[in-house]
Amino acid sequence: MGEQRLVAIVVPAFDEAARIAETVGALRALAPALGALDCRLRVLVVDDGSSDGTGALASAAGADRVLRHRRNQGLGAAVRTGLTGARTEGADFVVKFDADLQHDPADVPALLGPLLGDEADLVYGSRFERLAYRMPLVRRAGNVVFTRLMRWLTGWPLRDSQPGIFALGRTYLEVFRLPGDYNYTQQLLLDAYHKGMRVAHVPV
């Protein structure tokens, strides 16, 4: 058995003191499941200018690294900082995970499946097959519009263009470009498309 591949889970966080310790703990608990896939885990929290001690709480809960913005820059900027940090650490795979535990950590191994099988370079979680709450109508309609637009622009059979959880492999990590701080999920899709990457969906 060769050296284990590194999975970096990136958690953007802004004033998440109420949940960040629970989230980090839940992600750290994935280590055995990832070990069974011959992977090792690092949890990277991006403290996006929090004023409530989020970063310190994340460190105390077991985050391997906390990357800090001096002021709040927004989710897209936090994702970019996290992906860049994971690339610097030599990650083979990166998973973006929300700080408020709205997603199930148990979905992470499935999300990595297409990457581990060399079937995709970017994997988006699709919420609509297993949606456990009723998404507000306006948000659902907006997602449908954006997803149809991305489907038309890329020709890919996309099902969810705005997920809070996604994963990417080293091939795309090395070349990704995320220039703006808003609509980062669509930016990544278009960037991956123009760079000839393969995209997959996994129900979450």
N, C-alpha and C. Protein backbone atom coordinates (compact mmCIF):
# COMPACT_ATOMS: atom_id res chain seq x y z
N MET A 1 0.85 -1.19 0.00
CA MET A 1 0.00 0.00 0.00
C MET A 1 0.89 1.24 0.00
N GLY A 2 0.60 2.18 -0.96
CA GLY A 2 1.41 3.37 -1.06
C GLY A 2 1.01 4.42 -0.05
N GLU A 3 1.59 5.59 -0.21
CA GLU A 3 1.27 6.69 0.69
C GLU A 3 -0.19 7.11 0.53
N GLN A 4 -0.83 7.37 1.65
CA GLN A 4 -2.23 7.77 1.61
C GLN A 4 -2.37 9.13 0.93
N ARG A 5 -3.43 9.28 0.16
CA ARG A 5 -3.71 10.55 -0.49
C ARG A 5 -4.38 11.50 0.50
N LEU A 6 -4.13 12.79 0.32
CA LEU A 6 -4.59 13.79 1.27
C LEU A 6 -5.92 14.38 0.83
N VAL A 7 -6.91 14.29 1.72
CA VAL A 7 -8.20 14.95 1.53
C VAL A 7 -8.26 16.15 2.47
N ALA A 8 -8.34 17.33 1.91
CA ALA A 8 -8.48 18.56 2.70
C ALA A 8 -9.95 18.98 2.65
N ILE A 9 -10.57 19.08 3.81
CA ILE A 9 -11.94 19.59 3.87
C ILE A 9 -11.88 21.06 4.26
N VAL A 10 -12.36 21.90 3.36
CA VAL A 10 -12.31 23.35 3.54
C VAL A 10 -13.65 23.82 4.08
N VAL A 11 -13.60 24.55 5.19
CA VAL A 11 -14.82 25.03 5.85
C VAL A 11 -14.78 26.56 5.97
N PRO A 12 -15.42 27.28 5.05
CA PRO A 12 -15.51 28.73 5.20
C PRO A 12 -16.43 29.06 6.38
N ALA A 13 -16.04 29.99 7.22
CA ALA A 13 -16.82 30.28 8.42
C ALA A 13 -16.79 31.76 8.75
N PHE A 14 -17.96 32.32 8.97
CA PHE A 14 -18.09 33.72 9.39
C PHE A 14 -19.06 33.77 10.56
N ASP A 15 -18.54 34.13 11.73
CA ASP A 15 -19.35 34.22 12.96
C ASP A 15 -20.16 32.94 13.18
N GLU A 16 -19.46 31.81 13.19
CA GLU A 16 -20.11 30.51 13.37
C GLU A 16 -19.76 29.90 14.72
N ALA A 17 -19.58 30.73 15.74
CA ALA A 17 -19.18 30.23 17.05
C ALA A 17 -20.15 29.19 17.60
N ALA A 18 -21.42 29.33 17.26
CA ALA A 18 -22.42 28.41 17.81
C ALA A 18 -22.28 26.99 17.28
N ARG A 19 -21.74 26.83 16.07
CA ARG A 19 -21.73 25.49 15.46
C ARG A 19 -20.35 24.98 15.06
N ILE A 20 -19.33 25.85 15.01
CA ILE A 20 -18.07 25.45 14.38
C ILE A 20 -17.40 24.28 15.09
N ALA A 21 -17.46 24.22 16.41
CA ALA A 21 -16.82 23.11 17.13
C ALA A 21 -17.50 21.79 16.78
N GLU A 22 -18.83 21.82 16.72
CA GLU A 22 -19.58 20.61 16.35
C GLU A 22 -19.24 20.18 14.93
N THR A 23 -19.15 21.15 14.03
CA THR A 23 -18.84 20.84 12.64
C THR A 23 -17.45 20.24 12.50
N VAL A 24 -16.46 20.85 13.12
CA VAL A 24 -15.09 20.34 13.05
C VAL A 24 -15.03 18.93 13.66
N GLY A 25 -15.69 18.73 14.77
CA GLY A 25 -15.70 17.41 15.39
C GLY A 25 -16.32 16.35 14.49
N ALA A 26 -17.42 16.72 13.83
CA ALA A 26 -18.09 15.78 12.92
C ALA A 26 -17.20 15.43 11.73
N LEU A 27 -16.45 16.41 11.24
CA LEU A 27 -15.55 16.16 10.12
C LEU A 27 -14.34 15.34 10.55
N ARG A 28 -13.81 15.62 11.73
CA ARG A 28 -12.68 14.84 12.23
C ARG A 28 -13.07 13.36 12.39
N ALA A 29 -14.34 13.13 12.71
CA ALA A 29 -14.81 11.76 12.89
C ALA A 29 -14.83 10.97 11.58
N LEU A 30 -14.61 11.66 10.45
CA LEU A 30 -14.55 10.96 9.16
C LEU A 30 -13.22 10.25 8.92
N ALA A 31 -12.24 10.50 9.77
CA ALA A 31 -10.89 9.96 9.53
C ALA A 31 -10.89 8.46 9.29
N PRO A 32 -11.60 7.62 10.08
CA PRO A 32 -11.58 6.18 9.80
C PRO A 32 -12.18 5.82 8.44
N ALA A 33 -13.29 6.46 8.08
CA ALA A 33 -13.93 6.17 6.79
C ALA A 33 -13.00 6.56 5.64
N LEU A 34 -12.31 7.68 5.76
CA LEU A 34 -11.37 8.09 4.72
C LEU A 34 -10.15 7.19 4.72
N GLY A 35 -9.73 6.75 5.89
CA GLY A 35 -8.61 5.82 5.97
C GLY A 35 -8.92 4.53 5.23
N ALA A 36 -10.18 4.10 5.28
CA ALA A 36 -10.58 2.89 4.56
C ALA A 36 -10.49 3.08 3.04
N LEU A 37 -10.50 4.35 2.61
CA LEU A 37 -10.34 4.67 1.18
C LEU A 37 -8.88 4.99 0.86
N ASP A 38 -8.00 4.69 1.80
CA ASP A 38 -6.56 4.96 1.66
C ASP A 38 -6.29 6.46 1.53
N CYS A 39 -7.04 7.23 2.34
CA CYS A 39 -6.87 8.69 2.35
C CYS A 39 -6.67 9.16 3.78
N ARG A 40 -5.95 10.26 3.93
CA ARG A 40 -5.81 10.89 5.24
C ARG A 40 -6.49 12.26 5.19
N LEU A 41 -6.87 12.75 6.35
CA LEU A 41 -7.73 13.92 6.46
C LEU A 41 -7.02 15.12 7.05
N ARG A 42 -7.30 16.30 6.48
CA ARG A 42 -6.96 17.56 7.11
C ARG A 42 -8.18 18.47 7.02
N VAL A 43 -8.49 19.13 8.12
CA VAL A 43 -9.61 20.06 8.17
C VAL A 43 -9.06 21.47 8.19
N LEU A 44 -9.40 22.24 7.16
CA LEU A 44 -8.95 23.63 7.03
C LEU A 44 -10.15 24.55 7.19
N VAL A 45 -10.15 25.37 8.21
CA VAL A 45 -11.22 26.34 8.44
C VAL A 45 -10.74 27.71 7.97
N VAL A 46 -11.57 28.39 7.18
CA VAL A 46 -11.27 29.75 6.76
C VAL A 46 -12.14 30.69 7.58
N ASP A 47 -11.52 31.39 8.52
CA ASP A 47 -12.22 32.34 9.37
C ASP A 47 -12.31 33.66 8.61
N ASP A 48 -13.49 33.93 8.08
CA ASP A 48 -13.66 35.07 7.19
C ASP A 48 -13.99 36.35 7.97
N GLY A 49 -13.04 36.78 8.80
CA GLY A 49 -13.20 38.03 9.53
C GLY A 49 -14.20 37.96 10.66
N SER A 50 -14.33 36.80 11.29
CA SER A 50 -15.29 36.66 12.39
C SER A 50 -14.91 37.52 13.58
N SER A 51 -15.94 37.93 14.33
CA SER A 51 -15.70 38.73 15.54
C SER A 51 -16.15 37.98 16.79
N ASP A 52 -16.48 36.69 16.65
CA ASP A 52 -17.04 35.93 17.78
C ASP A 52 -16.14 34.78 18.24
N GLY A 53 -14.87 34.81 17.81
CA GLY A 53 -13.96 33.75 18.24
C GLY A 53 -14.06 32.47 17.45
N THR A 54 -14.68 32.50 16.28
CA THR A 54 -14.85 31.29 15.46
C THR A 54 -13.52 30.58 15.22
N GLY A 55 -12.49 31.32 14.85
CA GLY A 55 -11.20 30.70 14.53
C GLY A 55 -10.60 29.96 15.71
N ALA A 56 -10.62 30.58 16.88
CA ALA A 56 -10.06 29.95 18.07
C ALA A 56 -10.85 28.71 18.45
N LEU A 57 -12.16 28.78 18.32
CA LEU A 57 -13.00 27.62 18.63
C LEU A 57 -12.73 26.48 17.66
N ALA A 58 -12.50 26.81 16.40
CA ALA A 58 -12.19 25.79 15.40
C ALA A 58 -10.87 25.09 15.73
N SER A 59 -9.88 25.87 16.11
CA SER A 59 -8.58 25.28 16.49
C SER A 59 -8.73 24.38 17.70
N ALA A 60 -9.47 24.85 18.70
CA ALA A 60 -9.65 24.06 19.92
C ALA A 60 -10.40 22.77 19.65
N ALA A 61 -11.27 22.79 18.62
CA ALA A 61 -12.06 21.60 18.31
C ALA A 61 -11.30 20.59 17.46
N GLY A 62 -10.11 20.97 16.99
CA GLY A 62 -9.30 20.01 16.26
C GLY A 62 -9.04 20.33 14.81
N ALA A 63 -9.39 21.54 14.36
CA ALA A 63 -9.05 21.92 12.98
C ALA A 63 -7.53 21.88 12.81
N ASP A 64 -7.07 21.33 11.69
CA ASP A 64 -5.63 21.22 11.46
C ASP A 64 -5.00 22.57 11.15
N ARG A 65 -5.79 23.45 10.56
CA ARG A 65 -5.27 24.77 10.21
C ARG A 65 -6.43 25.75 10.13
N VAL A 66 -6.22 26.95 10.60
CA VAL A 66 -7.21 28.02 10.47
C VAL A 66 -6.58 29.14 9.65
N LEU A 67 -7.17 29.43 8.52
CA LEU A 67 -6.74 30.53 7.66
C LEU A 67 -7.63 31.72 7.97
N ARG A 68 -7.03 32.87 8.19
CA ARG A 68 -7.82 34.01 8.67
C ARG A 68 -7.81 35.19 7.71
N HIS A 69 -8.99 35.74 7.47
CA HIS A 69 -9.13 37.03 6.79
C HIS A 69 -9.25 38.11 7.87
N ARG A 70 -8.55 39.19 7.71
CA ARG A 70 -8.60 40.27 8.71
C ARG A 70 -9.98 40.92 8.76
N ARG A 71 -10.66 40.93 7.62
CA ARG A 71 -12.03 41.47 7.57
C ARG A 71 -12.88 40.52 6.75
N ASN A 72 -14.18 40.63 6.90
CA ASN A 72 -15.09 39.77 6.16
C ASN A 72 -15.04 40.09 4.67
N GLN A 73 -14.74 39.07 3.86
CA GLN A 73 -14.61 39.26 2.41
C GLN A 73 -15.69 38.54 1.61
N GLY A 74 -16.48 37.71 2.28
CA GLY A 74 -17.55 37.00 1.57
C GLY A 74 -17.19 35.56 1.28
N LEU A 75 -18.23 34.79 0.98
CA LEU A 75 -18.07 33.34 0.83
C LEU A 75 -17.15 32.96 -0.31
N GLY A 76 -17.29 33.63 -1.45
CA GLY A 76 -16.44 33.30 -2.59
C GLY A 76 -14.97 33.48 -2.28
N ALA A 77 -14.64 34.58 -1.60
CA ALA A 77 -13.25 34.84 -1.23
C ALA A 77 -12.76 33.79 -0.24
N ALA A 78 -13.63 33.39 0.68
CA ALA A 78 -13.23 32.37 1.66
C ALA A 78 -12.99 31.02 0.98
N VAL A 79 -13.82 30.69 0.01
CA VAL A 79 -13.63 29.44 -0.74
C VAL A 79 -12.30 29.49 -1.49
N ARG A 80 -12.02 30.62 -2.14
CA ARG A 80 -10.76 30.77 -2.88
C ARG A 80 -9.57 30.61 -1.95
N THR A 81 -9.62 31.25 -0.77
CA THR A 81 -8.53 31.12 0.20
C THR A 81 -8.36 29.67 0.64
N GLY A 82 -9.48 28.98 0.87
CA GLY A 82 -9.41 27.58 1.29
C GLY A 82 -8.83 26.67 0.22
N LEU A 83 -9.27 26.86 -1.03
CA LEU A 83 -8.75 26.03 -2.12
C LEU A 83 -7.26 26.30 -2.34
N THR A 84 -6.87 27.57 -2.25
CA THR A 84 -5.46 27.91 -2.42
C THR A 84 -4.63 27.31 -1.29
N GLY A 85 -5.14 27.38 -0.05
CA GLY A 85 -4.44 26.78 1.08
C GLY A 85 -4.30 25.28 0.94
N ALA A 86 -5.36 24.63 0.46
CA ALA A 86 -5.29 23.18 0.26
C ALA A 86 -4.28 22.82 -0.82
N ARG A 87 -4.22 23.63 -1.86
CA ARG A 87 -3.24 23.40 -2.93
C ARG A 87 -1.83 23.56 -2.40
N THR A 88 -1.60 24.57 -1.57
CA THR A 88 -0.29 24.79 -0.98
C THR A 88 0.15 23.61 -0.12
N GLU A 89 -0.82 22.98 0.54
CA GLU A 89 -0.50 21.84 1.39
C GLU A 89 -0.37 20.52 0.61
N GLY A 90 -0.56 20.58 -0.69
CA GLY A 90 -0.38 19.39 -1.50
C GLY A 90 -1.55 18.43 -1.49
N ALA A 91 -2.76 18.96 -1.27
CA ALA A 91 -3.94 18.09 -1.22
C ALA A 91 -4.17 17.40 -2.55
N ASP A 92 -4.56 16.14 -2.47
CA ASP A 92 -4.95 15.40 -3.67
C ASP A 92 -6.42 15.65 -4.00
N PHE A 93 -7.22 15.83 -2.96
CA PHE A 93 -8.65 16.09 -3.12
C PHE A 93 -9.06 17.16 -2.11
N VAL A 94 -10.03 17.98 -2.50
CA VAL A 94 -10.57 19.00 -1.60
C VAL A 94 -12.08 18.87 -1.58
N VAL A 95 -12.64 18.96 -0.39
CA VAL A 95 -14.09 19.01 -0.23
C VAL A 95 -14.43 20.34 0.43
N LYS A 96 -15.37 21.08 -0.15
CA LYS A 96 -15.87 22.31 0.48
C LYS A 96 -17.10 21.93 1.28
N PHE A 97 -17.12 22.32 2.56
CA PHE A 97 -18.20 21.93 3.47
C PHE A 97 -18.66 23.15 4.25
N ASP A 98 -19.98 23.34 4.38
CA ASP A 98 -20.51 24.50 5.09
C ASP A 98 -20.30 24.37 6.60
N ALA A 99 -20.09 25.52 7.24
CA ALA A 99 -19.74 25.55 8.67
C ALA A 99 -20.93 25.27 9.58
N ASP A 100 -22.15 25.37 9.04
CA ASP A 100 -23.33 25.26 9.90
C ASP A 100 -23.93 23.85 9.91
N LEU A 101 -23.21 22.88 9.36
CA LEU A 101 -23.65 21.48 9.36
C LEU A 101 -24.98 21.27 8.65
N GLN A 102 -25.26 22.08 7.64
CA GLN A 102 -26.50 21.86 6.89
C GLN A 102 -26.37 20.63 5.99
N HIS A 103 -25.14 20.18 5.77
CA HIS A 103 -24.91 18.95 5.02
C HIS A 103 -24.45 17.85 5.97
N ASP A 104 -24.60 16.62 5.53
CA ASP A 104 -24.23 15.46 6.34
C ASP A 104 -22.78 15.08 6.06
N PRO A 105 -21.90 15.11 7.06
CA PRO A 105 -20.51 14.70 6.82
C PRO A 105 -20.40 13.30 6.22
N ALA A 106 -21.38 12.45 6.48
CA ALA A 106 -21.34 11.09 5.95
C ALA A 106 -21.41 11.06 4.42
N ASP A 107 -21.80 12.18 3.79
CA ASP A 107 -21.84 12.25 2.33
C ASP A 107 -20.45 12.43 1.72
N VAL A 108 -19.47 12.79 2.52
CA VAL A 108 -18.14 13.12 1.97
C VAL A 108 -17.51 11.95 1.22
N PRO A 109 -17.47 10.72 1.77
CA PRO A 109 -16.86 9.63 1.00
C PRO A 109 -17.53 9.39 -0.35
N ALA A 110 -18.87 9.50 -0.41
CA ALA A 110 -19.57 9.32 -1.69
C ALA A 110 -19.20 10.41 -2.67
N LEU A 111 -19.05 11.63 -2.15
CA LEU A 111 -18.69 12.75 -3.01
C LEU A 111 -17.29 12.55 -3.62
N LEU A 112 -16.42 11.89 -2.86
CA LEU A 112 -15.07 11.61 -3.36
C LEU A 112 -15.04 10.46 -4.36
N GLY A 113 -16.10 9.66 -4.40
CA GLY A 113 -16.10 8.46 -5.24
C GLY A 113 -15.69 8.69 -6.68
N PRO A 114 -16.33 9.63 -7.41
CA PRO A 114 -15.95 9.85 -8.81
C PRO A 114 -14.51 10.35 -8.97
N LEU A 115 -13.98 11.04 -7.95
CA LEU A 115 -12.59 11.49 -8.01
C LEU A 115 -11.64 10.32 -7.80
N LEU A 116 -11.94 9.50 -6.79
CA LEU A 116 -11.09 8.34 -6.51
C LEU A 116 -11.09 7.36 -7.67
N GLY A 117 -12.23 7.27 -8.37
CA GLY A 117 -12.32 6.38 -9.52
C GLY A 117 -11.85 6.99 -10.81
N ASP A 118 -11.28 8.20 -10.75
CA ASP A 118 -10.80 8.94 -11.92
C ASP A 118 -11.89 9.07 -12.98
N GLU A 119 -13.11 9.37 -12.51
CA GLU A 119 -14.23 9.57 -13.42
C GLU A 119 -14.59 11.04 -13.56
N ALA A 120 -14.06 11.89 -12.69
CA ALA A 120 -14.39 13.31 -12.71
C ALA A 120 -13.26 14.10 -12.07
N ASP A 121 -13.26 15.41 -12.35
CA ASP A 121 -12.30 16.33 -11.75
C ASP A 121 -12.99 17.29 -10.77
N LEU A 122 -14.31 17.45 -10.93
CA LEU A 122 -15.11 18.33 -10.08
C LEU A 122 -16.44 17.62 -9.83
N VAL A 123 -16.81 17.49 -8.57
CA VAL A 123 -18.04 16.76 -8.21
C VAL A 123 -18.92 17.68 -7.37
N TYR A 124 -20.13 17.90 -7.85
CA TYR A 124 -21.08 18.74 -7.12
C TYR A 124 -22.10 17.85 -6.42
N GLY A 125 -22.39 18.20 -5.17
CA GLY A 125 -23.47 17.54 -4.47
C GLY A 125 -24.80 18.01 -5.03
N SER A 126 -25.70 17.09 -5.27
CA SER A 126 -27.03 17.43 -5.78
C SER A 126 -28.05 17.22 -4.68
N ARG A 127 -28.72 18.30 -4.28
CA ARG A 127 -29.61 18.25 -3.12
C ARG A 127 -31.01 17.74 -3.44
N PHE A 128 -31.37 17.71 -4.70
CA PHE A 128 -32.79 17.54 -5.00
C PHE A 128 -33.28 16.10 -4.96
N GLU A 129 -32.38 15.13 -5.07
CA GLU A 129 -32.81 13.73 -4.95
C GLU A 129 -33.14 13.37 -3.51
N ARG A 130 -32.45 14.01 -2.55
CA ARG A 130 -32.59 13.63 -1.14
C ARG A 130 -32.88 14.83 -0.25
N LEU A 131 -33.58 15.83 -0.78
CA LEU A 131 -33.81 17.06 -0.04
C LEU A 131 -34.61 16.78 1.23
N ALA A 132 -34.03 17.11 2.38
CA ALA A 132 -34.65 16.79 3.66
C ALA A 132 -35.47 17.96 4.21
N TYR A 133 -35.45 19.10 3.52
CA TYR A 133 -36.26 20.23 3.95
C TYR A 133 -36.86 20.88 2.72
N ARG A 134 -37.89 21.66 2.89
CA ARG A 134 -38.52 22.33 1.75
C ARG A 134 -37.78 23.63 1.46
N MET A 135 -37.00 23.62 0.39
CA MET A 135 -36.29 24.82 -0.01
C MET A 135 -37.32 25.90 -0.37
N PRO A 136 -37.16 27.13 0.11
CA PRO A 136 -38.09 28.20 -0.24
C PRO A 136 -38.25 28.31 -1.76
N LEU A 137 -39.49 28.60 -2.17
CA LEU A 137 -39.81 28.60 -3.59
C LEU A 137 -38.92 29.53 -4.40
N VAL A 138 -38.62 30.71 -3.87
CA VAL A 138 -37.79 31.67 -4.60
C VAL A 138 -36.39 31.10 -4.81
N ARG A 139 -35.83 30.48 -3.75
CA ARG A 139 -34.49 29.89 -3.88
C ARG A 139 -34.49 28.74 -4.87
N ARG A 140 -35.53 27.89 -4.79
CA ARG A 140 -35.60 26.76 -5.72
C ARG A 140 -35.71 27.25 -7.16
N ALA A 141 -36.56 28.26 -7.38
CA ALA A 141 -36.72 28.81 -8.73
C ALA A 141 -35.41 29.41 -9.23
N GLY A 142 -34.70 30.13 -8.35
CA GLY A 142 -33.42 30.70 -8.74
C GLY A 142 -32.41 29.64 -9.09
N ASN A 143 -32.40 28.56 -8.32
CA ASN A 143 -31.48 27.47 -8.60
C ASN A 143 -31.80 26.83 -9.95
N VAL A 144 -33.09 26.65 -10.22
CA VAL A 144 -33.50 26.05 -11.50
C VAL A 144 -33.02 26.92 -12.67
N VAL A 145 -33.21 28.23 -12.54
CA VAL A 145 -32.79 29.15 -13.61
C VAL A 145 -31.28 29.08 -13.82
N PHE A 146 -30.51 29.17 -12.72
CA PHE A 146 -29.05 29.12 -12.84
C PHE A 146 -28.59 27.77 -13.39
N THR A 147 -29.22 26.70 -12.93
CA THR A 147 -28.82 25.37 -13.39
C THR A 147 -29.08 25.21 -14.88
N ARG A 148 -30.24 25.68 -15.34
CA ARG A 148 -30.54 25.60 -16.78
C ARG A 148 -29.56 26.44 -17.58
N LEU A 149 -29.19 27.62 -17.06
CA LEU A 149 -28.23 28.47 -17.75
C LEU A 149 -26.87 27.77 -17.84
N MET A 150 -26.42 27.20 -16.73
CA MET A 150 -25.13 26.50 -16.73
C MET A 150 -25.18 25.27 -17.65
N ARG A 151 -26.32 24.61 -17.67
CA ARG A 151 -26.48 23.44 -18.55
C ARG A 151 -26.36 23.86 -20.01
N TRP A 152 -26.97 25.02 -20.34
CA TRP A 152 -26.92 25.52 -21.71
C TRP A 152 -25.50 25.96 -22.08
N LEU A 153 -24.81 26.63 -21.15
CA LEU A 153 -23.47 27.14 -21.44
C LEU A 153 -22.44 26.04 -21.58
N THR A 154 -22.61 24.96 -20.81
CA THR A 154 -21.59 23.91 -20.79
C THR A 154 -21.97 22.66 -21.59
N GLY A 155 -23.26 22.45 -21.78
CA GLY A 155 -23.69 21.21 -22.41
C GLY A 155 -23.67 20.02 -21.47
N TRP A 156 -23.38 20.26 -20.20
CA TRP A 156 -23.34 19.18 -19.21
C TRP A 156 -24.74 18.93 -18.64
N PRO A 157 -25.09 17.70 -18.29
CA PRO A 157 -26.40 17.39 -17.71
C PRO A 157 -26.46 17.74 -16.22
N LEU A 158 -26.34 19.03 -15.92
CA LEU A 158 -26.25 19.47 -14.53
C LEU A 158 -27.60 19.35 -13.83
N ARG A 159 -27.54 19.01 -12.53
CA ARG A 159 -28.76 18.88 -11.73
C ARG A 159 -28.84 19.93 -10.61
N ASP A 160 -27.70 20.44 -10.16
CA ASP A 160 -27.69 21.42 -9.08
C ASP A 160 -26.43 22.26 -9.26
N SER A 161 -26.63 23.54 -9.62
CA SER A 161 -25.46 24.39 -9.92
C SER A 161 -25.04 25.25 -8.74
N GLN A 162 -25.75 25.13 -7.60
CA GLN A 162 -25.43 25.99 -6.46
C GLN A 162 -25.35 25.19 -5.16
N PRO A 163 -24.58 24.12 -5.13
CA PRO A 163 -24.54 23.31 -3.90
C PRO A 163 -23.62 23.92 -2.85
N GLY A 164 -23.88 23.60 -1.60
CA GLY A 164 -23.00 24.04 -0.53
C GLY A 164 -21.86 23.07 -0.30
N ILE A 165 -21.92 21.91 -0.97
CA ILE A 165 -20.89 20.90 -0.79
C ILE A 165 -20.44 20.42 -2.17
N PHE A 166 -19.13 20.44 -2.39
CA PHE A 166 -18.58 19.93 -3.64
C PHE A 166 -17.15 19.46 -3.38
N ALA A 167 -16.60 18.74 -4.34
CA ALA A 167 -15.24 18.22 -4.21
C ALA A 167 -14.51 18.38 -5.54
N LEU A 168 -13.21 18.50 -5.46
CA LEU A 168 -12.41 18.55 -6.68
C LEU A 168 -11.08 17.85 -6.45
N GLY A 169 -10.50 17.39 -7.56
CA GLY A 169 -9.25 16.67 -7.51
C GLY A 169 -8.06 17.55 -7.85
N ARG A 170 -6.89 16.99 -7.72
CA ARG A 170 -5.66 17.78 -7.89
C ARG A 170 -5.53 18.35 -9.29
N THR A 171 -5.99 17.60 -10.31
CA THR A 171 -5.86 18.09 -11.69
C THR A 171 -6.51 19.46 -11.83
N TYR A 172 -7.72 19.61 -11.27
CA TYR A 172 -8.39 20.91 -11.35
C TYR A 172 -7.88 21.87 -10.29
N LEU A 173 -7.54 21.36 -9.12
CA LEU A 173 -7.03 22.21 -8.05
C LEU A 173 -5.80 23.00 -8.49
N GLU A 174 -4.96 22.37 -9.31
CA GLU A 174 -3.72 23.01 -9.75
C GLU A 174 -3.98 24.19 -10.69
N VAL A 175 -5.14 24.21 -11.36
CA VAL A 175 -5.35 25.21 -12.40
C VAL A 175 -6.61 26.05 -12.20
N PHE A 176 -7.36 25.81 -11.12
CA PHE A 176 -8.62 26.53 -10.96
C PHE A 176 -8.40 28.04 -10.89
N ARG A 177 -9.41 28.77 -11.35
CA ARG A 177 -9.39 30.24 -11.24
C ARG A 177 -10.76 30.68 -10.77
N LEU A 178 -10.77 31.40 -9.67
CA LEU A 178 -12.01 31.90 -9.08
C LEU A 178 -11.84 33.40 -8.85
N PRO A 179 -12.07 34.21 -9.89
CA PRO A 179 -11.73 35.64 -9.80
C PRO A 179 -12.69 36.47 -8.97
N GLY A 180 -13.97 36.11 -8.95
CA GLY A 180 -14.96 36.93 -8.25
C GLY A 180 -15.35 36.35 -6.91
N ASP A 181 -15.99 37.18 -6.09
CA ASP A 181 -16.36 36.75 -4.74
C ASP A 181 -17.82 36.32 -4.63
N TYR A 182 -18.57 36.38 -5.75
CA TYR A 182 -19.97 36.02 -5.73
C TYR A 182 -20.24 34.96 -6.79
N ASN A 183 -21.32 34.17 -6.58
CA ASN A 183 -21.69 33.12 -7.53
C ASN A 183 -20.51 32.20 -7.84
N TYR A 184 -19.77 31.85 -6.79
CA TYR A 184 -18.55 31.07 -7.00
C TYR A 184 -18.83 29.69 -7.57
N THR A 185 -20.00 29.11 -7.26
CA THR A 185 -20.28 27.76 -7.79
C THR A 185 -20.42 27.80 -9.31
N GLN A 186 -21.06 28.84 -9.83
CA GLN A 186 -21.16 28.97 -11.29
C GLN A 186 -19.81 29.30 -11.91
N GLN A 187 -19.03 30.13 -11.22
CA GLN A 187 -17.69 30.45 -11.74
C GLN A 187 -16.84 29.20 -11.89
N LEU A 188 -16.90 28.32 -10.88
CA LEU A 188 -16.10 27.10 -10.94
C LEU A 188 -16.58 26.20 -12.07
N LEU A 189 -17.90 26.09 -12.26
CA LEU A 189 -18.41 25.27 -13.35
C LEU A 189 -17.90 25.76 -14.71
N LEU A 190 -18.02 27.06 -14.94
CA LEU A 190 -17.58 27.60 -16.23
C LEU A 190 -16.07 27.48 -16.39
N ASP A 191 -15.33 27.72 -15.30
CA ASP A 191 -13.88 27.59 -15.35
C ASP A 191 -13.47 26.15 -15.68
N ALA A 192 -14.12 25.20 -15.00
CA ALA A 192 -13.82 23.78 -15.25
C ALA A 192 -14.17 23.40 -16.69
N TYR A 193 -15.29 23.90 -17.18
CA TYR A 193 -15.70 23.61 -18.55
C TYR A 193 -14.67 24.10 -19.55
N HIS A 194 -14.24 25.35 -19.39
CA HIS A 194 -13.30 25.93 -20.34
C HIS A 194 -11.91 25.30 -20.25
N LYS A 195 -11.63 24.62 -19.14
CA LYS A 195 -10.34 23.95 -19.00
C LYS A 195 -10.42 22.45 -19.30
N GLY A 196 -11.55 22.02 -19.83
CA GLY A 196 -11.68 20.63 -20.27
C GLY A 196 -11.81 19.62 -19.15
N MET A 197 -12.30 20.06 -17.99
CA MET A 197 -12.44 19.14 -16.86
C MET A 197 -13.72 18.31 -16.98
N ARG A 198 -13.75 17.23 -16.21
CA ARG A 198 -14.91 16.37 -16.17
C ARG A 198 -15.71 16.65 -14.90
N VAL A 199 -17.02 16.74 -15.04
CA VAL A 199 -17.89 17.09 -13.91
C VAL A 199 -18.88 15.98 -13.65
N ALA A 200 -19.14 15.71 -12.36
CA ALA A 200 -20.13 14.70 -11.97
C ALA A 200 -20.99 15.25 -10.85
N HIS A 201 -22.14 14.60 -10.65
CA HIS A 201 -23.04 14.92 -9.53
C HIS A 201 -23.17 13.69 -8.64
N VAL A 202 -23.29 13.93 -7.35
CA VAL A 202 -23.57 12.87 -6.38
C VAL A 202 -24.71 13.35 -5.48
N PRO A 203 -25.75 12.55 -5.25
CA PRO A 203 -26.83 12.98 -4.36
C PRO A 203 -26.32 13.18 -2.94
N VAL A 204 -26.74 14.28 -2.31
CA VAL A 204 -26.36 14.57 -0.93
C VAL A 204 -27.60 14.94 -0.15
